[in-house]
Amino acid sequence: MTHPFHPLFGRELEIFAPKEYVGERRLCYLDERQRVHEIPLDWTDLAPADPVLAIAAGKTLFRVADLLELAKLIELLKR
């Protein structure tokens, strides 16, 4: 798990099935009680590198597309 704010950050999970929902790729894993959970592929090191972030080489924390989405969300919440 590579998502820095997830409680399982840094843990290695055994993935047993990939899934896709409307373009979002997710991975299934079992917890210690053998319950099925899903996480976005992007929260793992199995996701392909984001070309924008790879080219930025640590010089940016956000992609322009993400900042534009955030601006839309903030505008919506203001209304």
PDB file of N, CA and C in Angstrom:
ATOM      1  N   MET A   1       0.854  -1.171   0.000  1.00  0.00           N
ATOM      2  CA  MET A   1       0.000   0.000   0.000  1.00  0.00           C
ATOM      3  C   MET A   1       0.895   1.227   0.000  1.00  0.00           C
ATOM      4  N   THR A   2       0.732   2.080  -1.024  1.00  0.00           N
ATOM      5  CA  THR A   2       1.602   3.248  -1.128  1.00  0.00           C
ATOM      6  C   THR A   2       0.891   4.568  -0.844  1.00  0.00           C
ATOM      7  N   HIS A   3      -0.433   4.535  -0.641  1.00  0.00           N
ATOM      8  CA  HIS A   3      -1.159   5.778  -0.347  1.00  0.00           C
ATOM      9  C   HIS A   3      -0.759   6.232   1.057  1.00  0.00           C
ATOM     10  N   PRO A   4      -0.175   7.430   1.169  1.00  0.00           N
ATOM     11  CA  PRO A   4       0.402   7.845   2.451  1.00  0.00           C
ATOM     12  C   PRO A   4      -0.587   8.025   3.603  1.00  0.00           C
ATOM     13  N   PHE A   5      -1.881   8.190   3.320  1.00  0.00           N
ATOM     14  CA  PHE A   5      -2.848   8.415   4.394  1.00  0.00           C
ATOM     15  C   PHE A   5      -3.689   7.181   4.697  1.00  0.00           C
ATOM     16  N   HIS A   6      -3.439   6.091   4.008  1.00  0.00           N
ATOM     17  CA  HIS A   6      -4.197   4.863   4.258  1.00  0.00           C
ATOM     18  C   HIS A   6      -3.617   4.169   5.482  1.00  0.00           C
ATOM     19  N   PRO A   7      -4.480   3.595   6.344  1.00  0.00           N
ATOM     20  CA  PRO A   7      -3.968   2.926   7.551  1.00  0.00           C
ATOM     21  C   PRO A   7      -3.027   1.751   7.255  1.00  0.00           C
ATOM     22  N   LEU A   8      -3.112   1.188   6.068  1.00  0.00           N
ATOM     23  CA  LEU A   8      -2.241   0.070   5.711  1.00  0.00           C
ATOM     24  C   LEU A   8      -1.000   0.525   4.942  1.00  0.00           C
ATOM     25  N   PHE A   9      -0.717   1.810   4.960  1.00  0.00           N
ATOM     26  CA  PHE A   9       0.443   2.346   4.253  1.00  0.00           C
ATOM     27  C   PHE A   9       1.702   1.560   4.619  1.00  0.00           C
ATOM     28  N   GLY A  10       2.442   1.159   3.599  1.00  0.00           N
ATOM     29  CA  GLY A  10       3.691   0.448   3.821  1.00  0.00           C
ATOM     30  C   GLY A  10       3.547  -1.059   3.937  1.00  0.00           C
ATOM     31  N   ARG A  11       2.327  -1.550   4.092  1.00  0.00           N
ATOM     32  CA  ARG A  11       2.119  -2.996   4.217  1.00  0.00           C
ATOM     33  C   ARG A  11       2.041  -3.635   2.842  1.00  0.00           C
ATOM     34  N   GLU A  12       2.469  -4.868   2.773  1.00  0.00           N
ATOM     35  CA  GLU A  12       2.361  -5.637   1.540  1.00  0.00           C
ATOM     36  C   GLU A  12       1.080  -6.457   1.601  1.00  0.00           C
ATOM     37  N   LEU A  13       0.261  -6.322   0.572  1.00  0.00           N
ATOM     38  CA  LEU A  13      -1.017  -7.030   0.522  1.00  0.00           C
ATOM     39  C   LEU A  13      -0.966  -8.099  -0.558  1.00  0.00           C
ATOM     40  N   GLU A  14      -1.640  -9.203  -0.310  1.00  0.00           N
ATOM     41  CA  GLU A  14      -1.717 -10.247  -1.324  1.00  0.00           C
ATOM     42  C   GLU A  14      -2.976 -10.014  -2.157  1.00  0.00           C
ATOM     43  N   ILE A  15      -2.772  -9.596  -3.378  1.00  0.00           N
ATOM     44  CA  ILE A  15      -3.869  -9.270  -4.287  1.00  0.00           C
ATOM     45  C   ILE A  15      -4.336 -10.549  -4.959  1.00  0.00           C
ATOM     46  N   PHE A  16      -5.667 -10.750  -5.023  1.00  0.00           N
ATOM     47  CA  PHE A  16      -6.141 -11.969  -5.663  1.00  0.00           C
ATOM     48  C   PHE A  16      -7.047 -11.717  -6.862  1.00  0.00           C
ATOM     49  N   ALA A  17      -7.515 -10.490  -7.073  1.00  0.00           N
ATOM     50  CA  ALA A  17      -8.369 -10.246  -8.236  1.00  0.00           C
ATOM     51  C   ALA A  17      -8.383  -8.764  -8.586  1.00  0.00           C
ATOM     52  N   PRO A  18      -8.173  -8.447  -9.860  1.00  0.00           N
ATOM     53  CA  PRO A  18      -8.373  -7.061 -10.312  1.00  0.00           C
ATOM     54  C   PRO A  18      -9.820  -6.864 -10.738  1.00  0.00           C
ATOM     55  N   LYS A  19     -10.326  -5.649 -10.611  1.00  0.00           N
ATOM     56  CA  LYS A  19     -11.681  -5.308 -11.043  1.00  0.00           C
ATOM     57  C   LYS A  19     -11.635  -3.953 -11.717  1.00  0.00           C
ATOM     58  N   GLU A  20     -12.671  -3.638 -12.474  1.00  0.00           N
ATOM     59  CA  GLU A  20     -12.768  -2.318 -13.082  1.00  0.00           C
ATOM     60  C   GLU A  20     -14.209  -1.854 -13.020  1.00  0.00           C
ATOM     61  N   TYR A  21     -14.404  -0.634 -12.514  1.00  0.00           N
ATOM     62  CA  TYR A  21     -15.722  -0.016 -12.408  1.00  0.00           C
ATOM     63  C   TYR A  21     -15.674   1.323 -13.122  1.00  0.00           C
ATOM     64  N   VAL A  22     -16.378   1.468 -14.203  1.00  0.00           N
ATOM     65  CA  VAL A  22     -16.469   2.716 -14.949  1.00  0.00           C
ATOM     66  C   VAL A  22     -15.096   3.388 -15.088  1.00  0.00           C
ATOM     67  N   GLY A  23     -14.152   2.625 -15.540  1.00  0.00           N
ATOM     68  CA  GLY A  23     -12.828   3.177 -15.786  1.00  0.00           C
ATOM     69  C   GLY A  23     -11.891   3.225 -14.597  1.00  0.00           C
ATOM     70  N   GLU A  24     -12.375   2.923 -13.402  1.00  0.00           N
ATOM     71  CA  GLU A  24     -11.482   2.916 -12.233  1.00  0.00           C
ATOM     72  C   GLU A  24     -11.047   1.482 -11.960  1.00  0.00           C
ATOM     73  N   ARG A  25      -9.745   1.277 -12.006  1.00  0.00           N
ATOM     74  CA  ARG A  25      -9.206  -0.054 -11.729  1.00  0.00           C
ATOM     75  C   ARG A  25      -8.993  -0.215 -10.227  1.00  0.00           C
ATOM     76  N   ARG A  26      -9.447  -1.366  -9.706  1.00  0.00           N
ATOM     77  CA  ARG A  26      -9.348  -1.662  -8.283  1.00  0.00           C
ATOM     78  C   ARG A  26      -8.759  -3.052  -8.099  1.00  0.00           C
ATOM     79  N   LEU A  27      -8.207  -3.289  -6.912  1.00  0.00           N
ATOM     80  CA  LEU A  27      -7.626  -4.582  -6.585  1.00  0.00           C
ATOM     81  C   LEU A  27      -8.310  -5.137  -5.343  1.00  0.00           C
ATOM     82  N   CYS A  28      -8.553  -6.435  -5.331  1.00  0.00           N
ATOM     83  CA  CYS A  28      -9.164  -7.099  -4.179  1.00  0.00           C
ATOM     84  C   CYS A  28      -8.080  -7.796  -3.361  1.00  0.00           C
ATOM     85  N   TYR A  29      -8.238  -7.720  -2.050  1.00  0.00           N
ATOM     86  CA  TYR A  29      -7.330  -8.423  -1.150  1.00  0.00           C
ATOM     87  C   TYR A  29      -8.105  -8.888   0.064  1.00  0.00           C
ATOM     88  N   LEU A  30      -7.547  -9.844   0.793  1.00  0.00           N
ATOM     89  CA  LEU A  30      -8.155 -10.355   2.017  1.00  0.00           C
ATOM     90  C   LEU A  30      -7.439  -9.759   3.221  1.00  0.00           C
ATOM     91  N   ASP A  31      -8.234  -9.360   4.235  1.00  0.00           N
ATOM     92  CA  ASP A  31      -7.600  -8.874   5.458  1.00  0.00           C
ATOM     93  C   ASP A  31      -7.275 -10.071   6.360  1.00  0.00           C
ATOM     94  N   GLU A  32      -6.790  -9.790   7.566  1.00  0.00           N
ATOM     95  CA  GLU A  32      -6.380 -10.869   8.468  1.00  0.00           C
ATOM     96  C   GLU A  32      -7.545 -11.765   8.903  1.00  0.00           C
ATOM     97  N   ARG A  33      -8.776 -11.273   8.770  1.00  0.00           N
ATOM     98  CA  ARG A  33      -9.966 -12.088   9.085  1.00  0.00           C
ATOM     99  C   ARG A  33     -10.561 -12.743   7.846  1.00  0.00           C
ATOM    100  N   GLN A  34      -9.821 -12.687   6.752  1.00  0.00           N
ATOM    101  CA  GLN A  34     -10.229 -13.276   5.477  1.00  0.00           C
ATOM    102  C   GLN A  34     -11.458 -12.596   4.875  1.00  0.00           C
ATOM    103  N   ARG A  35     -11.631 -11.304   5.165  1.00  0.00           N
ATOM    104  CA  ARG A  35     -12.696 -10.513   4.543  1.00  0.00           C
ATOM    105  C   ARG A  35     -12.138  -9.833   3.304  1.00  0.00           C
ATOM    106  N   VAL A  36     -12.978  -9.736   2.271  1.00  0.00           N
ATOM    107  CA  VAL A  36     -12.562  -9.131   1.011  1.00  0.00           C
ATOM    108  C   VAL A  36     -12.671  -7.611   1.096  1.00  0.00           C
ATOM    109  N   HIS A  37     -11.626  -6.933   0.636  1.00  0.00           N
ATOM    110  CA  HIS A  37     -11.609  -5.474   0.536  1.00  0.00           C
ATOM    111  C   HIS A  37     -11.120  -5.098  -0.853  1.00  0.00           C
ATOM    112  N   GLU A  38     -11.453  -3.886  -1.277  1.00  0.00           N
ATOM    113  CA  GLU A  38     -10.973  -3.368  -2.553  1.00  0.00           C
ATOM    114  C   GLU A  38     -10.272  -2.042  -2.327  1.00  0.00           C
ATOM    115  N   ILE A  39      -9.231  -1.818  -3.112  1.00  0.00           N
ATOM    116  CA  ILE A  39      -8.518  -0.550  -3.077  1.00  0.00           C
ATOM    117  C   ILE A  39      -8.267  -0.109  -4.515  1.00  0.00           C
ATOM    118  N   PRO A  40      -8.186   1.193  -4.750  1.00  0.00           N
ATOM    119  CA  PRO A  40      -7.840   1.664  -6.092  1.00  0.00           C
ATOM    120  C   PRO A  40      -6.426   1.223  -6.474  1.00  0.00           C
ATOM    121  N   LEU A  41      -6.259   0.818  -7.694  1.00  0.00           N
ATOM    122  CA  LEU A  41      -4.944   0.414  -8.193  1.00  0.00           C
ATOM    123  C   LEU A  41      -3.918   1.524  -7.973  1.00  0.00           C
ATOM    124  N   ASP A  42      -4.349   2.781  -8.112  1.00  0.00           N
ATOM    125  CA  ASP A  42      -3.426   3.918  -7.963  1.00  0.00           C
ATOM    126  C   ASP A  42      -2.857   4.064  -6.561  1.00  0.00           C
ATOM    127  N   TRP A  43      -3.434   3.384  -5.583  1.00  0.00           N
ATOM    128  CA  TRP A  43      -2.920   3.449  -4.221  1.00  0.00           C
ATOM    129  C   TRP A  43      -1.838   2.410  -3.965  1.00  0.00           C
ATOM    130  N   THR A  44      -1.432   1.710  -5.014  1.00  0.00           N
ATOM    131  CA  THR A  44      -0.431   0.660  -4.870  1.00  0.00           C
ATOM    132  C   THR A  44       0.753   0.927  -5.788  1.00  0.00           C
ATOM    133  N   ASP A  45       1.800   0.150  -5.598  1.00  0.00           N
ATOM    134  CA  ASP A  45       2.950   0.267  -6.496  1.00  0.00           C
ATOM    135  C   ASP A  45       2.764  -0.552  -7.769  1.00  0.00           C
ATOM    136  N   LEU A  46       1.579  -1.138  -7.955  1.00  0.00           N
ATOM    137  CA  LEU A  46       1.271  -1.873  -9.178  1.00  0.00           C
ATOM    138  C   LEU A  46       0.764  -0.953 -10.288  1.00  0.00           C
ATOM    139  N   ALA A  47       0.392   0.257  -9.928  1.00  0.00           N
ATOM    140  CA  ALA A  47      -0.108   1.221 -10.911  1.00  0.00           C
ATOM    141  C   ALA A  47       1.049   1.720 -11.771  1.00  0.00           C
ATOM    142  N   PRO A  48       0.777   1.944 -13.048  1.00  0.00           N
ATOM    143  CA  PRO A  48       1.835   2.526 -13.882  1.00  0.00           C
ATOM    144  C   PRO A  48       2.155   3.943 -13.405  1.00  0.00           C
ATOM    145  N   ALA A  49       3.381   4.350 -13.597  1.00  0.00           N
ATOM    146  CA  ALA A  49       3.794   5.696 -13.170  1.00  0.00           C
ATOM    147  C   ALA A  49       3.010   6.749 -13.942  1.00  0.00           C
ATOM    148  N   ASP A  50       2.568   7.785 -13.240  1.00  0.00           N
ATOM    149  CA  ASP A  50       1.880   8.904 -13.874  1.00  0.00           C
ATOM    150  C   ASP A  50       2.927   9.690 -14.655  1.00  0.00           C
ATOM    151  N   PRO A  51       2.763   9.813 -15.977  1.00  0.00           N
ATOM    152  CA  PRO A  51       3.803  10.476 -16.776  1.00  0.00           C
ATOM    153  C   PRO A  51       4.082  11.915 -16.343  1.00  0.00           C
ATOM    154  N   VAL A  52       3.056  12.650 -15.946  1.00  0.00           N
ATOM    155  CA  VAL A  52       3.249  14.041 -15.525  1.00  0.00           C
ATOM    156  C   VAL A  52       4.122  14.094 -14.279  1.00  0.00           C
ATOM    157  N   LEU A  53       3.805  13.253 -13.295  1.00  0.00           N
ATOM    158  CA  LEU A  53       4.592  13.257 -12.061  1.00  0.00           C
ATOM    159  C   LEU A  53       5.994  12.702 -12.280  1.00  0.00           C
ATOM    160  N   ALA A  54       6.121  11.738 -13.188  1.00  0.00           N
ATOM    161  CA  ALA A  54       7.447  11.184 -13.477  1.00  0.00           C
ATOM    162  C   ALA A  54       8.341  12.235 -14.127  1.00  0.00           C
ATOM    163  N   ILE A  55       7.794  12.989 -15.070  1.00  0.00           N
ATOM    164  CA  ILE A  55       8.568  14.029 -15.742  1.00  0.00           C
ATOM    165  C   ILE A  55       8.922  15.151 -14.762  1.00  0.00           C
ATOM    166  N   ALA A  56       7.992  15.453 -13.845  1.00  0.00           N
ATOM    167  CA  ALA A  56       8.236  16.522 -12.863  1.00  0.00           C
ATOM    168  C   ALA A  56       9.342  16.146 -11.883  1.00  0.00           C
ATOM    169  N   ALA A  57       9.597  14.859 -11.726  1.00  0.00           N
ATOM    170  CA  ALA A  57      10.694  14.366 -10.878  1.00  0.00           C
ATOM    171  C   ALA A  57      10.705  14.984  -9.482  1.00  0.00           C
ATOM    172  N   GLY A  58       9.545  14.977  -8.817  1.00  0.00           N
ATOM    173  CA  GLY A  58       9.463  15.474  -7.454  1.00  0.00           C
ATOM    174  C   GLY A  58       9.328  16.975  -7.317  1.00  0.00           C
ATOM    175  N   LYS A  59       9.224  17.692  -8.427  1.00  0.00           N
ATOM    176  CA  LYS A  59       9.137  19.149  -8.365  1.00  0.00           C
ATOM    177  C   LYS A  59       7.696  19.641  -8.265  1.00  0.00           C
ATOM    178  N   THR A  60       6.737  18.735  -8.360  1.00  0.00           N
ATOM    179  CA  THR A  60       5.332  19.117  -8.212  1.00  0.00           C
ATOM    180  C   THR A  60       4.593  18.049  -7.421  1.00  0.00           C
ATOM    181  N   LEU A  61       3.634  18.484  -6.643  1.00  0.00           N
ATOM    182  CA  LEU A  61       2.827  17.537  -5.872  1.00  0.00           C
ATOM    183  C   LEU A  61       1.486  17.279  -6.538  1.00  0.00           C
ATOM    184  N   PHE A  62       1.078  18.155  -7.454  1.00  0.00           N
ATOM    185  CA  PHE A  62      -0.248  18.057  -8.064  1.00  0.00           C
ATOM    186  C   PHE A  62      -0.165  18.149  -9.579  1.00  0.00           C
ATOM    187  N   ARG A  63      -1.083  17.469 -10.236  1.00  0.00           N
ATOM    188  CA  ARG A  63      -1.217  17.603 -11.687  1.00  0.00           C
ATOM    189  C   ARG A  63      -2.211  18.725 -11.955  1.00  0.00           C
ATOM    190  N   VAL A  64      -2.087  19.388 -13.088  1.00  0.00           N
ATOM    191  CA  VAL A  64      -2.991  20.483 -13.452  1.00  0.00           C
ATOM    192  C   VAL A  64      -4.440  19.991 -13.462  1.00  0.00           C
ATOM    193  N   ALA A  65      -4.680  18.816 -14.021  1.00  0.00           N
ATOM    194  CA  ALA A  65      -6.042  18.269 -14.083  1.00  0.00           C
ATOM    195  C   ALA A  65      -6.638  18.117 -12.684  1.00  0.00           C
ATOM    196  N   ASP A  66      -5.815  17.672 -11.722  1.00  0.00           N
ATOM    197  CA  ASP A  66      -6.298  17.516 -10.344  1.00  0.00           C
ATOM    198  C   ASP A  66      -6.627  18.865  -9.718  1.00  0.00           C
ATOM    199  N   LEU A  67      -5.805  19.867  -9.959  1.00  0.00           N
ATOM    200  CA  LEU A  67      -6.058  21.200  -9.408  1.00  0.00           C
ATOM    201  C   LEU A  67      -7.314  21.820 -10.010  1.00  0.00           C
ATOM    202  N   LEU A  68      -7.551  21.579 -11.298  1.00  0.00           N
ATOM    203  CA  LEU A  68      -8.773  22.088 -11.930  1.00  0.00           C
ATOM    204  C   LEU A  68     -10.009  21.417 -11.332  1.00  0.00           C
ATOM    205  N   GLU A  69      -9.931  20.116 -11.079  1.00  0.00           N
ATOM    206  CA  GLU A  69     -11.045  19.400 -10.434  1.00  0.00           C
ATOM    207  C   GLU A  69     -11.283  19.940  -9.028  1.00  0.00           C
ATOM    208  N   LEU A  70     -10.212  20.214  -8.307  1.00  0.00           N
ATOM    209  CA  LEU A  70     -10.328  20.771  -6.962  1.00  0.00           C
ATOM    210  C   LEU A  70     -10.997  22.141  -7.006  1.00  0.00           C
ATOM    211  N   ALA A  71     -10.619  22.971  -7.960  1.00  0.00           N
ATOM    212  CA  ALA A  71     -11.227  24.299  -8.101  1.00  0.00           C
ATOM    213  C   ALA A  71     -12.722  24.181  -8.374  1.00  0.00           C
ATOM    214  N   LYS A  72     -13.116  23.222  -9.213  1.00  0.00           N
ATOM    215  CA  LYS A  72     -14.551  23.006  -9.491  1.00  0.00           C
ATOM    216  C   LYS A  72     -15.280  22.591  -8.223  1.00  0.00           C
ATOM    217  N   LEU A  73     -14.678  21.687  -7.459  1.00  0.00           N
ATOM    218  CA  LEU A  73     -15.293  21.215  -6.221  1.00  0.00           C
ATOM    219  C   LEU A  73     -15.451  22.341  -5.212  1.00  0.00           C
ATOM    220  N   ILE A  74     -14.435  23.166  -5.070  1.00  0.00           N
ATOM    221  CA  ILE A  74     -14.508  24.304  -4.138  1.00  0.00           C
ATOM    222  C   ILE A  74     -15.611  25.267  -4.578  1.00  0.00           C
ATOM    223  N   GLU A  75     -15.696  25.530  -5.867  1.00  0.00           N
ATOM    224  CA  GLU A  75     -16.742  26.407  -6.384  1.00  0.00           C
ATOM    225  C   GLU A  75     -18.125  25.838  -6.098  1.00  0.00           C
ATOM    226  N   LEU A  76     -18.270  24.525  -6.265  1.00  0.00           N
ATOM    227  CA  LEU A  76     -19.544  23.872  -5.972  1.00  0.00           C
ATOM    228  C   LEU A  76     -19.915  23.982  -4.508  1.00  0.00           C
ATOM    229  N   LEU A  77     -18.929  23.805  -3.641  1.00  0.00           N
ATOM    230  CA  LEU A  77     -19.181  23.862  -2.204  1.00  0.00           C
ATOM    231  C   LEU A  77     -19.506  25.286  -1.731  1.00  0.00           C
ATOM    232  N   LYS A  78     -19.001  26.285  -2.432  1.00  0.00           N
ATOM    233  CA  LYS A  78     -19.299  27.676  -2.077  1.00  0.00           C
ATOM    234  C   LYS A  78     -20.775  28.013  -2.308  1.00  0.00           C
ATOM    235  N   ARG A  79     -21.398  27.360  -3.296  1.00  0.00           N
ATOM    236  CA  ARG A  79     -22.791  27.680  -3.655  1.00  0.00           C
ATOM    237  C   ARG A  79     -23.774  27.241  -2.654  1.00  0.00           C
TER     238      ARG A  79
END
